[in-house]
């Protein structure tokens, strides 16, 4: 059930949901990595373990 926040005459619905796109994938994000934009260096995500990291998926599903 959505919760609503209101400010003057505007309402904002807060909805929480979870989608499991690839059930066959196991482990954590720290077992993966990515290439830099120029493709010259592989960055393992395990170097960010214990730190605050924001991953933004800009692709459509």
C-alpha atoms as a PDB file:
ATOM      1  CA  UNK A   1       0.000   0.000   0.000  1.00  0.00           C
ATOM      2  CA  UNK A   2       1.591   3.309  -1.020  1.00  0.00           C
ATOM      3  CA  UNK A   3       2.277   5.996   1.523  1.00  0.00           C
ATOM      4  CA  UNK A   4       1.720   9.618   0.581  1.00  0.00           C
ATOM      5  CA  UNK A   5       3.660  12.736   1.509  1.00  0.00           C
ATOM      6  CA  UNK A   6       2.086  16.083   0.833  1.00  0.00           C
ATOM      7  CA  UNK A   7       3.452  19.580   0.641  1.00  0.00           C
ATOM      8  CA  UNK A   8       0.934  22.368  -0.002  1.00  0.00           C
ATOM      9  CA  UNK A   9      -1.116  21.039  -2.920  1.00  0.00           C
ATOM     10  CA  UNK A  10       1.389  18.443  -4.215  1.00  0.00           C
ATOM     11  CA  UNK A  11       1.370  14.766  -3.248  1.00  0.00           C
ATOM     12  CA  UNK A  12       4.226  12.284  -3.593  1.00  0.00           C
ATOM     13  CA  UNK A  13       3.531   8.539  -3.479  1.00  0.00           C
ATOM     14  CA  UNK A  14       6.275   6.407  -1.918  1.00  0.00           C
ATOM     15  CA  UNK A  15       6.129   2.849  -3.213  1.00  0.00           C
ATOM     16  CA  UNK A  16       8.609   0.121  -2.387  1.00  0.00           C
ATOM     17  CA  UNK A  17       8.983  -2.875  -4.683  1.00  0.00           C
ATOM     18  CA  UNK A  18      11.559  -5.485  -5.572  1.00  0.00           C
ATOM     19  CA  UNK A  19      12.118  -7.260  -8.876  1.00  0.00           C
ATOM     20  CA  UNK A  20      14.251 -10.351  -9.361  1.00  0.00           C
ATOM     21  CA  UNK A  21      15.332 -10.020 -12.998  1.00  0.00           C
ATOM     22  CA  UNK A  22      17.878 -12.843 -13.071  1.00  0.00           C
ATOM     23  CA  UNK A  23      17.122 -15.482 -10.443  1.00  0.00           C
ATOM     24  CA  UNK A  24      20.030 -17.643 -11.651  1.00  0.00           C
ATOM     25  CA  UNK A  25      22.657 -15.055 -10.711  1.00  0.00           C
ATOM     26  CA  UNK A  26      24.149 -15.658  -7.286  1.00  0.00           C
ATOM     27  CA  UNK A  27      26.633 -13.861  -5.081  1.00  0.00           C
ATOM     28  CA  UNK A  28      27.059 -10.194  -4.366  1.00  0.00           C
ATOM     29  CA  UNK A  29      28.001  -7.189  -6.476  1.00  0.00           C
ATOM     30  CA  UNK A  30      31.521  -7.436  -5.044  1.00  0.00           C
ATOM     31  CA  UNK A  31      32.160 -10.598  -7.096  1.00  0.00           C
ATOM     32  CA  UNK A  32      31.857  -8.568 -10.302  1.00  0.00           C
ATOM     33  CA  UNK A  33      33.524  -5.581 -11.915  1.00  0.00           C
ATOM     34  CA  UNK A  34      33.391  -3.356 -14.967  1.00  0.00           C
ATOM     35  CA  UNK A  35      35.595  -1.901 -17.649  1.00  0.00           C
ATOM     36  CA  UNK A  36      36.362   1.801 -17.651  1.00  0.00           C
ATOM     37  CA  UNK A  37      34.662   3.832 -20.387  1.00  0.00           C
ATOM     38  CA  UNK A  38      37.737   3.652 -22.607  1.00  0.00           C
ATOM     39  CA  UNK A  39      37.931  -0.134 -22.043  1.00  0.00           C
ATOM     40  CA  UNK A  40      41.545  -0.074 -20.906  1.00  0.00           C
ATOM     41  CA  UNK A  41      41.130  -1.016 -17.249  1.00  0.00           C
ATOM     42  CA  UNK A  42      39.015  -3.550 -15.348  1.00  0.00           C
ATOM     43  CA  UNK A  43      37.745  -2.247 -12.002  1.00  0.00           C
ATOM     44  CA  UNK A  44      36.804  -5.017  -9.525  1.00  0.00           C
ATOM     45  CA  UNK A  45      33.914  -3.931  -7.315  1.00  0.00           C
ATOM     46  CA  UNK A  46      35.461  -5.746  -4.321  1.00  0.00           C
ATOM     47  CA  UNK A  47      37.743  -2.732  -3.855  1.00  0.00           C
ATOM     48  CA  UNK A  48      34.625  -0.838  -2.706  1.00  0.00           C
ATOM     49  CA  UNK A  49      33.563  -3.376  -0.047  1.00  0.00           C
ATOM     50  CA  UNK A  50      32.710  -1.622   3.216  1.00  0.00           C
ATOM     51  CA  UNK A  51      32.160   1.724   1.478  1.00  0.00           C
ATOM     52  CA  UNK A  52      28.981   3.485   0.419  1.00  0.00           C
ATOM     53  CA  UNK A  53      28.442   2.914  -3.297  1.00  0.00           C
ATOM     54  CA  UNK A  54      25.560   3.996  -5.521  1.00  0.00           C
ATOM     55  CA  UNK A  55      25.063   1.926  -8.672  1.00  0.00           C
ATOM     56  CA  UNK A  56      22.773   3.567 -11.214  1.00  0.00           C
ATOM     57  CA  UNK A  57      21.310   1.430 -13.978  1.00  0.00           C
ATOM     58  CA  UNK A  58      20.722   3.763 -16.901  1.00  0.00           C
ATOM     59  CA  UNK A  59      19.678   1.001 -19.299  1.00  0.00           C
ATOM     60  CA  UNK A  60      16.091  -0.042 -19.835  1.00  0.00           C
ATOM     61  CA  UNK A  61      14.979  -3.562 -18.971  1.00  0.00           C
END
